[in-house]
Amino acid sequence: MQPAGSTVENKLLELPRLETPRLVLRALSLDDVDDIFAYASDSEVTRYTIFERHLSSKTTTQWLRSVTDMYRDGHPGPWGMELRSSRHLIGACGFRNWETQHGRAEMGYTVTQAYWNQGYATEAVRALIAFGFEYMNLNRIEARAVPANIGSTRVMEKAGMKFEGVLRQSEFFKGAYQDLAIYSILRHDPWR
């Protein structure tokens, strides 16, 4: 299912634009600093994220520079989640820990609080699942969330991912070792 002339190494040199009924998933740019700072500085949005709340737009700008470096180097950087109707950026999503030899990657997502509980994250996650299986040649896609983050676990379930268990004290962030609920979907699972 790989496009002609495509290899695993060059698939993400230019992050492809993905479209869903309500969203455009696109490469981020420094022009997005204000929209990203709006959610990255929100203590409710960042309550369960690995990244710390951004205290200034300088932090957001530095992060965006690292993202553009990732794009340049062909690493799987995040997509911006843009509303088709208004062209307003409402979040970001993407893959990390892409292990090509195992056909596995982990996905993550963040959405501005004003757009919670409206299905946008689920729509974006479904688009990532399709892209991961069809173009990244993945066999397994994982996502993790602090178990108390009910909104995130619901997104994974609605996207067809299956709960596998809790990784006890799996990662250190927010000043403590955090338990993480792990969900996955496999290429042969129903996902279309």
N, C-alpha and C. Protein backbone atom coordinates (compact mmCIF):
# COMPACT_ATOMS: atom_id res chain seq x y z
N MET A 1 0.82 -1.19 0.00
CA MET A 1 0.00 0.00 0.00
C MET A 1 0.86 1.25 0.00
N GLN A 2 2.12 1.15 -0.33
CA GLN A 2 2.98 2.32 -0.37
C GLN A 2 2.88 3.01 -1.72
N PRO A 3 2.87 4.36 -1.73
CA PRO A 3 2.87 5.07 -3.00
C PRO A 3 4.15 4.74 -3.78
N ALA A 4 4.08 4.78 -5.11
CA ALA A 4 5.23 4.47 -5.95
C ALA A 4 6.40 5.37 -5.60
N GLY A 5 7.59 4.79 -5.52
CA GLY A 5 8.80 5.55 -5.24
C GLY A 5 8.94 5.96 -3.78
N SER A 6 8.08 5.47 -2.94
CA SER A 6 8.11 5.87 -1.53
C SER A 6 8.87 4.84 -0.72
N THR A 7 9.63 5.32 0.24
CA THR A 7 10.29 4.43 1.19
C THR A 7 9.94 4.92 2.59
N VAL A 8 10.15 4.06 3.56
CA VAL A 8 9.88 4.44 4.94
C VAL A 8 10.66 5.69 5.30
N GLU A 9 11.92 5.78 4.82
CA GLU A 9 12.78 6.89 5.20
C GLU A 9 12.30 8.23 4.65
N ASN A 10 11.66 8.24 3.48
CA ASN A 10 11.31 9.54 2.91
C ASN A 10 9.83 9.90 3.01
N LYS A 11 9.03 9.05 3.62
CA LYS A 11 7.59 9.29 3.68
C LYS A 11 7.21 10.63 4.31
N LEU A 12 7.95 11.03 5.31
CA LEU A 12 7.55 12.23 6.04
C LEU A 12 8.49 13.40 5.84
N LEU A 13 9.32 13.36 4.77
CA LEU A 13 10.18 14.52 4.49
C LEU A 13 9.32 15.75 4.25
N GLU A 14 8.20 15.56 3.57
CA GLU A 14 7.22 16.63 3.44
C GLU A 14 5.94 16.08 4.05
N LEU A 15 5.60 16.59 5.23
CA LEU A 15 4.43 16.08 5.92
C LEU A 15 3.20 16.26 5.03
N PRO A 16 2.55 15.17 4.65
CA PRO A 16 1.41 15.31 3.75
C PRO A 16 0.21 15.96 4.43
N ARG A 17 -0.55 16.65 3.66
CA ARG A 17 -1.79 17.27 4.12
C ARG A 17 -2.87 16.18 4.12
N LEU A 18 -3.56 16.02 5.26
CA LEU A 18 -4.63 15.04 5.37
C LEU A 18 -5.93 15.80 5.60
N GLU A 19 -6.99 15.36 4.95
CA GLU A 19 -8.27 16.05 5.11
C GLU A 19 -9.33 15.08 5.62
N THR A 20 -10.13 15.57 6.55
CA THR A 20 -11.27 14.85 7.09
C THR A 20 -12.49 15.72 6.82
N PRO A 21 -13.69 15.25 7.16
CA PRO A 21 -14.86 16.08 6.90
C PRO A 21 -14.79 17.49 7.51
N ARG A 22 -14.21 17.62 8.71
CA ARG A 22 -14.20 18.94 9.36
C ARG A 22 -12.81 19.53 9.59
N LEU A 23 -11.77 18.74 9.32
CA LEU A 23 -10.41 19.16 9.65
C LEU A 23 -9.47 19.05 8.46
N VAL A 24 -8.44 19.88 8.51
CA VAL A 24 -7.28 19.73 7.65
C VAL A 24 -6.11 19.49 8.60
N LEU A 25 -5.42 18.36 8.43
CA LEU A 25 -4.21 18.08 9.21
C LEU A 25 -3.05 18.49 8.31
N ARG A 26 -2.26 19.44 8.80
CA ARG A 26 -1.21 20.03 7.98
C ARG A 26 0.03 20.28 8.80
N ALA A 27 1.12 20.54 8.11
CA ALA A 27 2.37 20.87 8.79
C ALA A 27 2.19 22.17 9.57
N LEU A 28 2.83 22.22 10.72
CA LEU A 28 2.83 23.44 11.53
C LEU A 28 3.90 24.39 11.02
N SER A 29 3.71 25.67 11.33
CA SER A 29 4.71 26.67 10.97
C SER A 29 4.79 27.70 12.09
N LEU A 30 5.78 28.56 12.01
CA LEU A 30 5.93 29.60 13.03
C LEU A 30 4.73 30.55 13.05
N ASP A 31 3.96 30.59 11.98
CA ASP A 31 2.74 31.41 11.95
C ASP A 31 1.68 30.90 12.92
N ASP A 32 1.83 29.68 13.42
CA ASP A 32 0.85 29.08 14.32
C ASP A 32 1.12 29.35 15.79
N VAL A 33 2.11 30.15 16.09
CA VAL A 33 2.54 30.32 17.48
C VAL A 33 1.39 30.79 18.39
N ASP A 34 0.57 31.72 17.96
CA ASP A 34 -0.49 32.24 18.83
C ASP A 34 -1.55 31.18 19.12
N ASP A 35 -1.96 30.44 18.11
CA ASP A 35 -2.97 29.39 18.31
C ASP A 35 -2.44 28.28 19.21
N ILE A 36 -1.18 27.91 19.01
CA ILE A 36 -0.60 26.84 19.83
C ILE A 36 -0.40 27.32 21.26
N PHE A 37 0.08 28.54 21.42
CA PHE A 37 0.27 29.08 22.77
C PHE A 37 -1.07 29.12 23.51
N ALA A 38 -2.16 29.40 22.80
CA ALA A 38 -3.47 29.48 23.44
C ALA A 38 -3.83 28.17 24.14
N TYR A 39 -3.54 27.02 23.53
CA TYR A 39 -3.85 25.76 24.22
C TYR A 39 -2.70 25.26 25.06
N ALA A 40 -1.47 25.50 24.64
CA ALA A 40 -0.31 24.99 25.39
C ALA A 40 -0.09 25.73 26.71
N SER A 41 -0.72 26.88 26.85
CA SER A 41 -0.60 27.65 28.10
C SER A 41 -1.80 27.42 29.02
N ASP A 42 -2.76 26.64 28.57
CA ASP A 42 -3.98 26.37 29.34
C ASP A 42 -3.72 25.21 30.31
N SER A 43 -3.85 25.48 31.60
CA SER A 43 -3.54 24.46 32.60
C SER A 43 -4.48 23.25 32.53
N GLU A 44 -5.70 23.43 32.05
CA GLU A 44 -6.60 22.28 31.90
C GLU A 44 -6.18 21.40 30.73
N VAL A 45 -5.79 22.03 29.62
CA VAL A 45 -5.36 21.27 28.45
C VAL A 45 -4.09 20.49 28.77
N THR A 46 -3.18 21.09 29.50
CA THR A 46 -1.88 20.45 29.77
C THR A 46 -1.86 19.63 31.07
N ARG A 47 -2.98 19.53 31.71
CA ARG A 47 -3.05 18.81 32.99
C ARG A 47 -2.46 17.40 32.92
N TYR A 48 -2.74 16.68 31.82
CA TYR A 48 -2.29 15.30 31.70
C TYR A 48 -1.23 15.10 30.61
N THR A 49 -0.76 16.17 30.00
CA THR A 49 0.20 16.02 28.91
C THR A 49 1.61 15.78 29.44
N ILE A 50 2.44 15.18 28.58
CA ILE A 50 3.84 14.99 28.93
C ILE A 50 4.54 16.34 28.98
N PHE A 51 4.15 17.25 28.09
CA PHE A 51 4.82 18.55 28.07
C PHE A 51 4.26 19.47 29.15
N GLU A 52 5.13 20.33 29.65
CA GLU A 52 4.74 21.31 30.66
C GLU A 52 3.96 22.45 30.00
N ARG A 53 3.14 23.09 30.78
CA ARG A 53 2.37 24.25 30.31
C ARG A 53 3.34 25.33 29.85
N HIS A 54 3.07 25.91 28.68
CA HIS A 54 3.91 26.98 28.16
C HIS A 54 3.60 28.27 28.92
N LEU A 55 4.63 28.87 29.48
CA LEU A 55 4.45 30.09 30.26
C LEU A 55 4.65 31.35 29.43
N SER A 56 5.22 31.20 28.25
CA SER A 56 5.38 32.35 27.34
C SER A 56 5.36 31.85 25.91
N SER A 57 5.07 32.77 25.00
CA SER A 57 5.06 32.40 23.59
C SER A 57 6.47 32.08 23.09
N LYS A 58 7.49 32.50 23.84
CA LYS A 58 8.88 32.15 23.49
C LYS A 58 9.06 30.62 23.55
N THR A 59 8.49 29.98 24.56
CA THR A 59 8.55 28.52 24.68
C THR A 59 7.86 27.87 23.48
N THR A 60 6.72 28.41 23.09
CA THR A 60 5.98 27.87 21.96
C THR A 60 6.79 28.03 20.67
N THR A 61 7.41 29.18 20.50
CA THR A 61 8.24 29.42 19.32
C THR A 61 9.41 28.44 19.27
N GLN A 62 10.05 28.19 20.41
CA GLN A 62 11.16 27.23 20.45
C GLN A 62 10.66 25.83 20.07
N TRP A 63 9.50 25.46 20.59
CA TRP A 63 8.93 24.16 20.26
C TRP A 63 8.64 24.07 18.76
N LEU A 64 8.06 25.12 18.19
CA LEU A 64 7.76 25.12 16.76
C LEU A 64 9.03 25.02 15.92
N ARG A 65 10.09 25.64 16.36
CA ARG A 65 11.38 25.52 15.64
C ARG A 65 11.87 24.07 15.66
N SER A 66 11.69 23.40 16.80
CA SER A 66 12.11 21.99 16.87
C SER A 66 11.23 21.13 15.95
N VAL A 67 9.97 21.48 15.82
CA VAL A 67 9.06 20.75 14.93
C VAL A 67 9.49 20.93 13.48
N THR A 68 9.80 22.16 13.08
CA THR A 68 10.22 22.38 11.69
C THR A 68 11.54 21.66 11.41
N ASP A 69 12.40 21.53 12.41
CA ASP A 69 13.63 20.73 12.26
C ASP A 69 13.29 19.25 12.04
N MET A 70 12.29 18.77 12.78
CA MET A 70 11.86 17.37 12.61
C MET A 70 11.38 17.15 11.17
N TYR A 71 10.54 18.07 10.67
CA TYR A 71 10.05 17.95 9.30
C TYR A 71 11.23 17.89 8.32
N ARG A 72 12.16 18.80 8.50
CA ARG A 72 13.31 18.90 7.59
C ARG A 72 14.11 17.60 7.58
N ASP A 73 14.23 16.96 8.75
CA ASP A 73 15.02 15.74 8.88
C ASP A 73 14.24 14.47 8.57
N GLY A 74 12.96 14.60 8.19
CA GLY A 74 12.16 13.45 7.83
C GLY A 74 11.65 12.64 8.99
N HIS A 75 11.64 13.22 10.18
CA HIS A 75 11.09 12.53 11.34
C HIS A 75 9.60 12.82 11.44
N PRO A 76 8.85 11.90 12.04
CA PRO A 76 7.39 12.10 12.11
C PRO A 76 7.02 13.20 13.10
N GLY A 77 6.95 14.40 12.62
CA GLY A 77 6.52 15.53 13.44
C GLY A 77 5.01 15.64 13.47
N PRO A 78 4.49 16.52 14.31
CA PRO A 78 3.04 16.63 14.45
C PRO A 78 2.38 17.38 13.30
N TRP A 79 1.13 17.06 13.11
CA TRP A 79 0.25 17.81 12.22
C TRP A 79 -0.51 18.83 13.05
N GLY A 80 -0.75 19.99 12.50
CA GLY A 80 -1.69 20.94 13.10
C GLY A 80 -3.09 20.51 12.72
N MET A 81 -4.02 20.67 13.66
CA MET A 81 -5.43 20.34 13.40
C MET A 81 -6.16 21.65 13.13
N GLU A 82 -6.47 21.87 11.87
CA GLU A 82 -7.09 23.12 11.45
C GLU A 82 -8.54 22.88 11.07
N LEU A 83 -9.44 23.75 11.55
CA LEU A 83 -10.84 23.65 11.15
C LEU A 83 -10.98 24.03 9.69
N ARG A 84 -11.64 23.20 8.91
CA ARG A 84 -11.85 23.52 7.49
C ARG A 84 -12.69 24.78 7.33
N SER A 85 -13.68 24.94 8.21
CA SER A 85 -14.62 26.05 8.06
C SER A 85 -14.00 27.42 8.32
N SER A 86 -13.09 27.51 9.26
CA SER A 86 -12.54 28.82 9.65
C SER A 86 -11.04 28.96 9.44
N ARG A 87 -10.36 27.83 9.12
CA ARG A 87 -8.90 27.78 8.99
C ARG A 87 -8.21 28.13 10.31
N HIS A 88 -8.90 27.90 11.41
CA HIS A 88 -8.38 28.17 12.76
C HIS A 88 -7.73 26.89 13.29
N LEU A 89 -6.51 27.00 13.81
CA LEU A 89 -5.80 25.84 14.37
C LEU A 89 -6.35 25.55 15.76
N ILE A 90 -6.80 24.31 15.99
CA ILE A 90 -7.41 23.96 17.28
C ILE A 90 -6.63 22.89 18.05
N GLY A 91 -5.52 22.44 17.50
CA GLY A 91 -4.74 21.43 18.20
C GLY A 91 -3.65 20.86 17.33
N ALA A 92 -3.08 19.78 17.82
CA ALA A 92 -2.03 19.09 17.08
C ALA A 92 -2.12 17.59 17.36
N CYS A 93 -1.61 16.81 16.43
CA CYS A 93 -1.61 15.35 16.59
C CYS A 93 -0.45 14.79 15.79
N GLY A 94 -0.05 13.59 16.13
CA GLY A 94 1.03 13.01 15.37
C GLY A 94 1.55 11.73 15.98
N PHE A 95 2.64 11.23 15.41
CA PHE A 95 3.26 10.00 15.85
C PHE A 95 4.58 10.29 16.56
N ARG A 96 4.94 9.41 17.46
CA ARG A 96 6.26 9.41 18.08
C ARG A 96 6.66 7.96 18.28
N ASN A 97 7.91 7.76 18.60
CA ASN A 97 8.42 6.40 18.83
C ASN A 97 8.09 5.46 17.67
N TRP A 98 8.37 5.92 16.46
CA TRP A 98 8.13 5.12 15.27
C TRP A 98 9.25 4.09 15.15
N GLU A 99 8.90 2.82 15.27
CA GLU A 99 9.87 1.72 15.19
C GLU A 99 9.61 0.96 13.90
N THR A 100 10.32 1.37 12.84
CA THR A 100 10.05 0.81 11.52
C THR A 100 10.27 -0.70 11.47
N GLN A 101 11.29 -1.20 12.16
CA GLN A 101 11.57 -2.63 12.11
C GLN A 101 10.46 -3.47 12.73
N HIS A 102 9.65 -2.85 13.60
CA HIS A 102 8.55 -3.57 14.24
C HIS A 102 7.18 -3.15 13.70
N GLY A 103 7.17 -2.19 12.77
CA GLY A 103 5.90 -1.73 12.21
C GLY A 103 5.00 -1.13 13.26
N ARG A 104 5.60 -0.35 14.18
CA ARG A 104 4.85 0.17 15.33
C ARG A 104 5.15 1.65 15.52
N ALA A 105 4.13 2.40 15.95
CA ALA A 105 4.32 3.80 16.34
C ALA A 105 3.28 4.15 17.39
N GLU A 106 3.59 5.18 18.14
CA GLU A 106 2.67 5.70 19.15
C GLU A 106 2.12 7.04 18.66
N MET A 107 0.86 7.27 18.88
CA MET A 107 0.27 8.56 18.48
C MET A 107 -0.15 9.35 19.70
N GLY A 108 -0.26 10.66 19.48
CA GLY A 108 -0.73 11.55 20.53
C GLY A 108 -1.51 12.70 19.91
N TYR A 109 -2.22 13.44 20.74
CA TYR A 109 -3.06 14.53 20.25
C TYR A 109 -3.35 15.50 21.40
N THR A 110 -3.56 16.74 21.03
CA THR A 110 -3.94 17.79 21.98
C THR A 110 -4.94 18.70 21.28
N VAL A 111 -6.00 19.06 21.97
CA VAL A 111 -7.04 19.91 21.39
C VAL A 111 -7.36 21.06 22.34
N THR A 112 -7.55 22.23 21.77
CA THR A 112 -7.96 23.41 22.52
C THR A 112 -9.24 23.11 23.30
N GLN A 113 -9.30 23.55 24.54
CA GLN A 113 -10.41 23.22 25.43
C GLN A 113 -11.78 23.58 24.86
N ALA A 114 -11.89 24.69 24.14
CA ALA A 114 -13.17 25.11 23.58
C ALA A 114 -13.73 24.10 22.57
N TYR A 115 -12.88 23.18 22.09
CA TYR A 115 -13.30 22.20 21.09
C TYR A 115 -13.36 20.78 21.63
N TRP A 116 -13.29 20.63 22.95
CA TRP A 116 -13.43 19.31 23.57
C TRP A 116 -14.86 18.80 23.39
N ASN A 117 -15.00 17.48 23.42
CA ASN A 117 -16.31 16.81 23.39
C ASN A 117 -17.13 17.12 22.15
N GLN A 118 -16.44 17.39 21.04
CA GLN A 118 -17.13 17.65 19.77
C GLN A 118 -16.67 16.70 18.66
N GLY A 119 -15.85 15.71 19.02
CA GLY A 119 -15.44 14.70 18.06
C GLY A 119 -14.24 15.05 17.20
N TYR A 120 -13.63 16.20 17.42
CA TYR A 120 -12.50 16.60 16.58
C TYR A 120 -11.27 15.70 16.80
N ALA A 121 -10.97 15.39 18.05
CA ALA A 121 -9.81 14.53 18.32
C ALA A 121 -10.02 13.15 17.71
N THR A 122 -11.21 12.60 17.84
CA THR A 122 -11.51 11.28 17.28
C THR A 122 -11.36 11.31 15.76
N GLU A 123 -11.83 12.37 15.14
CA GLU A 123 -11.72 12.51 13.68
C GLU A 123 -10.25 12.54 13.26
N ALA A 124 -9.44 13.28 14.00
CA ALA A 124 -8.01 13.36 13.69
C ALA A 124 -7.32 12.02 13.92
N VAL A 125 -7.65 11.34 15.01
CA VAL A 125 -7.04 10.05 15.32
C VAL A 125 -7.38 9.03 14.24
N ARG A 126 -8.61 9.03 13.77
CA ARG A 126 -8.99 8.09 12.69
C ARG A 126 -8.17 8.37 11.42
N ALA A 127 -7.93 9.64 11.13
CA ALA A 127 -7.11 9.98 9.96
C ALA A 127 -5.67 9.51 10.14
N LEU A 128 -5.15 9.62 11.37
CA LEU A 128 -3.79 9.15 11.64
C LEU A 128 -3.71 7.63 11.52
N ILE A 129 -4.72 6.95 12.01
CA ILE A 129 -4.75 5.48 11.90
C ILE A 129 -4.69 5.07 10.43
N ALA A 130 -5.52 5.68 9.61
CA ALA A 130 -5.53 5.34 8.18
C ALA A 130 -4.17 5.65 7.56
N PHE A 131 -3.60 6.79 7.87
CA PHE A 131 -2.30 7.15 7.31
C PHE A 131 -1.22 6.18 7.77
N GLY A 132 -1.25 5.84 9.06
CA GLY A 132 -0.25 4.93 9.60
C GLY A 132 -0.27 3.57 8.95
N PHE A 133 -1.46 3.03 8.74
CA PHE A 133 -1.56 1.71 8.13
C PHE A 133 -1.32 1.75 6.62
N GLU A 134 -1.83 2.76 5.95
CA GLU A 134 -1.75 2.80 4.49
C GLU A 134 -0.42 3.32 3.96
N TYR A 135 0.21 4.27 4.65
CA TYR A 135 1.41 4.90 4.09
C TYR A 135 2.67 4.74 4.91
N MET A 136 2.55 4.46 6.21
CA MET A 136 3.75 4.26 7.03
C MET A 136 4.05 2.77 7.19
N ASN A 137 3.17 1.94 6.63
CA ASN A 137 3.33 0.49 6.69
C ASN A 137 3.36 -0.03 8.12
N LEU A 138 2.56 0.58 8.99
CA LEU A 138 2.49 0.14 10.38
C LEU A 138 1.62 -1.10 10.50
N ASN A 139 1.92 -1.90 11.47
CA ASN A 139 1.09 -3.03 11.84
C ASN A 139 0.34 -2.75 13.13
N ARG A 140 0.93 -1.90 13.98
CA ARG A 140 0.36 -1.60 15.30
C ARG A 140 0.50 -0.11 15.58
N ILE A 141 -0.58 0.49 16.05
CA ILE A 141 -0.56 1.89 16.47
C ILE A 141 -1.01 1.91 17.92
N GLU A 142 -0.23 2.58 18.75
CA GLU A 142 -0.51 2.67 20.18
C GLU A 142 -0.82 4.11 20.57
N ALA A 143 -1.50 4.26 21.67
CA ALA A 143 -1.69 5.57 22.30
C ALA A 143 -1.78 5.32 23.80
N ARG A 144 -1.36 6.31 24.55
CA ARG A 144 -1.34 6.18 26.01
C ARG A 144 -1.95 7.42 26.63
N ALA A 145 -2.50 7.23 27.82
CA ALA A 145 -3.07 8.36 28.55
C ALA A 145 -3.05 8.06 30.04
N VAL A 146 -2.90 9.10 30.82
CA VAL A 146 -3.07 8.96 32.26
C VAL A 146 -4.50 8.44 32.47
N PRO A 147 -4.70 7.39 33.25
CA PRO A 147 -6.04 6.83 33.39
C PRO A 147 -7.13 7.83 33.80
N ALA A 148 -6.76 8.86 34.54
CA ALA A 148 -7.75 9.87 34.95
C ALA A 148 -8.19 10.75 33.78
N ASN A 149 -7.48 10.70 32.67
CA ASN A 149 -7.82 11.52 31.50
C ASN A 149 -8.91 10.80 30.69
N ILE A 150 -10.11 10.85 31.21
CA ILE A 150 -11.24 10.13 30.62
C ILE A 150 -11.52 10.60 29.19
N GLY A 151 -11.37 11.89 28.93
CA GLY A 151 -11.61 12.41 27.58
C GLY A 151 -10.70 11.74 26.56
N SER A 152 -9.44 11.57 26.91
CA SER A 152 -8.49 10.96 25.99
C SER A 152 -8.77 9.48 25.80
N THR A 153 -9.10 8.78 26.87
CA THR A 153 -9.38 7.35 26.71
C THR A 153 -10.65 7.13 25.88
N ARG A 154 -11.61 8.04 25.99
CA ARG A 154 -12.83 7.93 25.16
C ARG A 154 -12.49 8.13 23.68
N VAL A 155 -11.59 9.07 23.39
CA VAL A 155 -11.17 9.29 22.00
C VAL A 155 -10.60 7.99 21.43
N MET A 156 -9.72 7.35 22.17
CA MET A 156 -9.10 6.12 21.68
C MET A 156 -10.14 5.03 21.45
N GLU A 157 -11.07 4.90 22.37
CA GLU A 157 -12.12 3.88 22.22
C GLU A 157 -13.01 4.18 21.01
N LYS A 158 -13.40 5.44 20.83
CA LYS A 158 -14.26 5.81 19.70
C LYS A 158 -13.56 5.59 18.36
N ALA A 159 -12.23 5.69 18.37
CA ALA A 159 -11.45 5.48 17.14
C ALA A 159 -11.21 4.00 16.86
N GLY A 160 -11.71 3.12 17.73
CA GLY A 160 -11.58 1.69 17.51
C GLY A 160 -10.39 1.04 18.20
N MET A 161 -9.70 1.79 19.04
CA MET A 161 -8.54 1.24 19.73
C MET A 161 -9.02 0.42 20.93
N LYS A 162 -8.23 -0.60 21.27
CA LYS A 162 -8.58 -1.50 22.37
C LYS A 162 -7.69 -1.25 23.58
N PHE A 163 -8.31 -1.23 24.76
CA PHE A 163 -7.59 -1.09 26.02
C PHE A 163 -6.79 -2.35 26.28
N GLU A 164 -5.51 -2.20 26.58
CA GLU A 164 -4.65 -3.36 26.84
C GLU A 164 -4.24 -3.47 28.30
N GLY A 165 -4.30 -2.39 29.03
CA GLY A 165 -3.90 -2.43 30.43
C GLY A 165 -3.28 -1.12 30.87
N VAL A 166 -2.75 -1.13 32.06
CA VAL A 166 -2.12 0.06 32.62
C VAL A 166 -0.64 -0.24 32.83
N LEU A 167 0.20 0.62 32.27
CA LEU A 167 1.64 0.53 32.48
C LEU A 167 1.92 1.32 33.75
N ARG A 168 2.23 0.62 34.82
CA ARG A 168 2.40 1.27 36.12
C ARG A 168 3.68 2.10 36.15
N GLN A 169 3.52 3.35 36.58
CA GLN A 169 4.64 4.29 36.71
C GLN A 169 5.56 4.22 35.50
N SER A 170 4.98 4.31 34.34
CA SER A 170 5.68 4.10 33.08
C SER A 170 6.57 5.26 32.64
N GLU A 171 6.12 6.50 32.89
CA GLU A 171 6.89 7.66 32.47
C GLU A 171 6.89 8.70 33.58
N PHE A 172 7.99 9.46 33.61
CA PHE A 172 8.13 10.51 34.61
C PHE A 172 7.82 11.85 33.96
N PHE A 173 6.74 12.48 34.40
CA PHE A 173 6.41 13.85 33.98
C PHE A 173 5.48 14.45 35.02
N LYS A 174 5.41 15.76 35.00
CA LYS A 174 4.64 16.52 35.99
C LYS A 174 5.13 16.21 37.41
N GLY A 175 6.43 15.94 37.53
CA GLY A 175 7.04 15.75 38.83
C GLY A 175 6.83 14.40 39.49
N ALA A 176 6.28 13.43 38.74
CA ALA A 176 6.02 12.12 39.35
C ALA A 176 6.05 11.04 38.28
N TYR A 177 6.22 9.79 38.73
CA TYR A 177 6.07 8.66 37.83
C TYR A 177 4.58 8.46 37.60
N GLN A 178 4.20 8.40 36.34
CA GLN A 178 2.78 8.34 35.98
C GLN A 178 2.41 6.96 35.46
N ASP A 179 1.25 6.47 35.91
CA ASP A 179 0.64 5.29 35.30
C ASP A 179 0.07 5.72 33.95
N LEU A 180 0.14 4.85 32.96
CA LEU A 180 -0.42 5.16 31.65
C LEU A 180 -1.28 4.01 31.15
N ALA A 181 -2.52 4.31 30.82
CA ALA A 181 -3.39 3.33 30.16
C ALA A 181 -2.92 3.22 28.72
N ILE A 182 -2.76 2.01 28.24
CA ILE A 182 -2.30 1.82 26.86
C ILE A 182 -3.42 1.20 26.03
N TYR A 183 -3.59 1.79 24.85
CA TYR A 183 -4.58 1.34 23.87
C TYR A 183 -3.84 1.06 22.57
N SER A 184 -4.39 0.17 21.77
CA SER A 184 -3.77 -0.10 20.47
C SER A 184 -4.83 -0.49 19.45
N ILE A 185 -4.40 -0.41 18.21
CA ILE A 185 -5.19 -0.93 17.10
C ILE A 185 -4.20 -1.58 16.14
N LEU A 186 -4.60 -2.72 15.59
CA LEU A 186 -3.75 -3.46 14.66
C LEU A 186 -4.29 -3.33 13.25
N ARG A 187 -3.40 -3.49 12.30
CA ARG A 187 -3.79 -3.39 10.88
C ARG A 187 -4.98 -4.28 10.55
N HIS A 188 -5.04 -5.50 11.13
CA HIS A 188 -6.14 -6.41 10.78
C HIS A 188 -7.41 -6.14 11.60
N ASP A 189 -7.37 -5.22 12.57
CA ASP A 189 -8.58 -4.84 13.30
C ASP A 189 -9.47 -3.99 12.39
N PRO A 190 -10.76 -3.93 12.67
CA PRO A 190 -11.63 -3.04 11.89
C PRO A 190 -11.27 -1.58 12.19
N TRP A 191 -10.91 -0.82 11.19
CA TRP A 191 -10.54 0.58 11.40
C TRP A 191 -11.04 1.51 10.30
N ARG A 192 -11.48 0.99 9.21
CA ARG A 192 -11.96 1.85 8.11
C ARG A 192 -13.35 2.34 8.38
